[in-house]
Protein backbone atom coordinates (compact mmCIF):
# COMPACT_ATOMS: atom_id res chain seq x y z
CA UNK A 1 -0.31 0.16 -0.08
CA UNK A 2 1.50 3.21 -1.03
CA UNK A 3 1.09 5.74 1.66
CA UNK A 4 -0.13 9.13 0.92
CA UNK A 5 2.24 12.16 2.66
CA UNK A 6 0.50 15.75 1.77
CA UNK A 7 4.08 17.53 2.35
CA UNK A 8 5.51 15.93 -1.03
CA UNK A 9 2.85 17.48 -2.88
CA UNK A 10 1.36 21.17 -2.42
CA UNK A 11 -1.66 20.47 -4.24
CA UNK A 12 -2.28 17.54 -2.28
CA UNK A 13 -6.44 18.49 -2.87
CA UNK A 14 -6.44 18.07 -6.44
CA UNK A 15 -7.44 14.61 -6.70
CA UNK A 16 -10.35 15.22 -4.41
CA UNK A 17 -11.48 17.89 -6.43
CA UNK A 18 -11.10 15.63 -9.20
CA UNK A 19 -13.38 12.99 -7.85
CA UNK A 20 -15.82 15.17 -6.72
CA UNK A 21 -16.63 17.11 -9.85
CA UNK A 22 -16.47 13.25 -11.31
CA UNK A 23 -19.46 12.48 -8.93
CA UNK A 24 -21.41 15.47 -9.50
CA UNK A 25 -20.94 15.05 -13.61
CA UNK A 26 -22.24 11.73 -13.39
CA UNK A 27 -24.68 12.21 -11.52
CA UNK A 28 -26.21 15.31 -13.08
CA UNK A 29 -25.37 13.77 -16.49
CA UNK A 30 -26.89 10.19 -15.74
CA UNK A 31 -29.39 10.90 -13.57
CA UNK A 32 -30.16 14.44 -13.70
CA UNK A 33 -30.21 15.11 -10.10
CA UNK A 34 -30.59 12.56 -7.00
CA UNK A 35 -32.68 11.87 -4.53
CA UNK A 36 -31.24 12.04 -0.91
CA UNK A 37 -32.54 8.67 -0.13
CA UNK A 38 -30.65 6.61 -2.89
CA UNK A 39 -27.53 8.87 -2.41
CA UNK A 40 -25.13 5.55 -1.13
CA UNK A 41 -26.40 3.52 -4.26
CA UNK A 42 -25.32 6.50 -6.81
CA UNK A 43 -21.81 6.70 -4.64
CA UNK A 44 -21.49 2.82 -5.27
CA UNK A 45 -22.18 2.25 -8.67
CA UNK A 46 -19.52 5.63 -9.58
CA UNK A 47 -16.89 3.37 -7.44
CA UNK A 48 -17.86 0.65 -9.34
CA UNK A 49 -17.21 2.19 -12.67
CA UNK A 50 -14.64 4.04 -11.35
CA UNK A 51 -12.34 0.79 -10.08
CA UNK A 52 -12.99 -0.96 -12.98
CA UNK A 53 -11.80 2.20 -15.37
CA UNK A 54 -9.02 0.35 -16.76
CA UNK A 55 -10.37 -2.75 -16.99
CA UNK A 56 -10.30 -4.93 -20.35
CA UNK A 57 -13.28 -7.40 -19.56
CA UNK A 58 -16.28 -5.69 -20.80
CA UNK A 59 -18.50 -4.11 -18.08
CA UNK A 60 -21.65 -6.05 -18.66
CA UNK A 61 -19.77 -9.59 -18.69
CA UNK A 62 -18.31 -8.76 -15.42
CA UNK A 63 -21.42 -7.21 -14.09
CA UNK A 64 -23.05 -10.55 -15.16
CA UNK A 65 -20.65 -12.73 -13.44
CA UNK A 66 -20.93 -10.98 -10.33
CA UNK A 67 -24.22 -11.22 -10.16
CA UNK A 68 -24.14 -15.49 -10.47
CA UNK A 69 -21.36 -15.03 -7.85
CA UNK A 70 -23.16 -13.07 -5.47
CA UNK A 71 -24.83 -14.44 -2.58
CA UNK A 72 -28.60 -14.42 -2.73
CA UNK A 73 -30.28 -11.21 -1.43
CA UNK A 74 -34.27 -10.54 -0.93
CA UNK A 75 -35.66 -7.45 -2.14
CA UNK A 76 -35.93 -5.90 0.79
CA UNK A 77 -32.20 -6.17 1.67
CA UNK A 78 -31.25 -4.19 -1.94
CA UNK A 79 -30.25 -0.45 -2.00
CA UNK A 80 -33.58 0.60 -3.03
């Protein structure tokens, strides 16, 4: 694990600002606004997409594989 040292980088909040602006652009572009009730779901989706941004495997294939391997959940247990 790489440890971040803010004294090595004078602009240490640059990536935080980039991430916040990317999240805002994604939410405004895809959903045209958000409901506070579902904000964690929006952030979870953004995190999933961000973490897979360099993956060569098609997203749909990966998502289907995750769905098949994931444990069963009832509808009430989902992030809805």
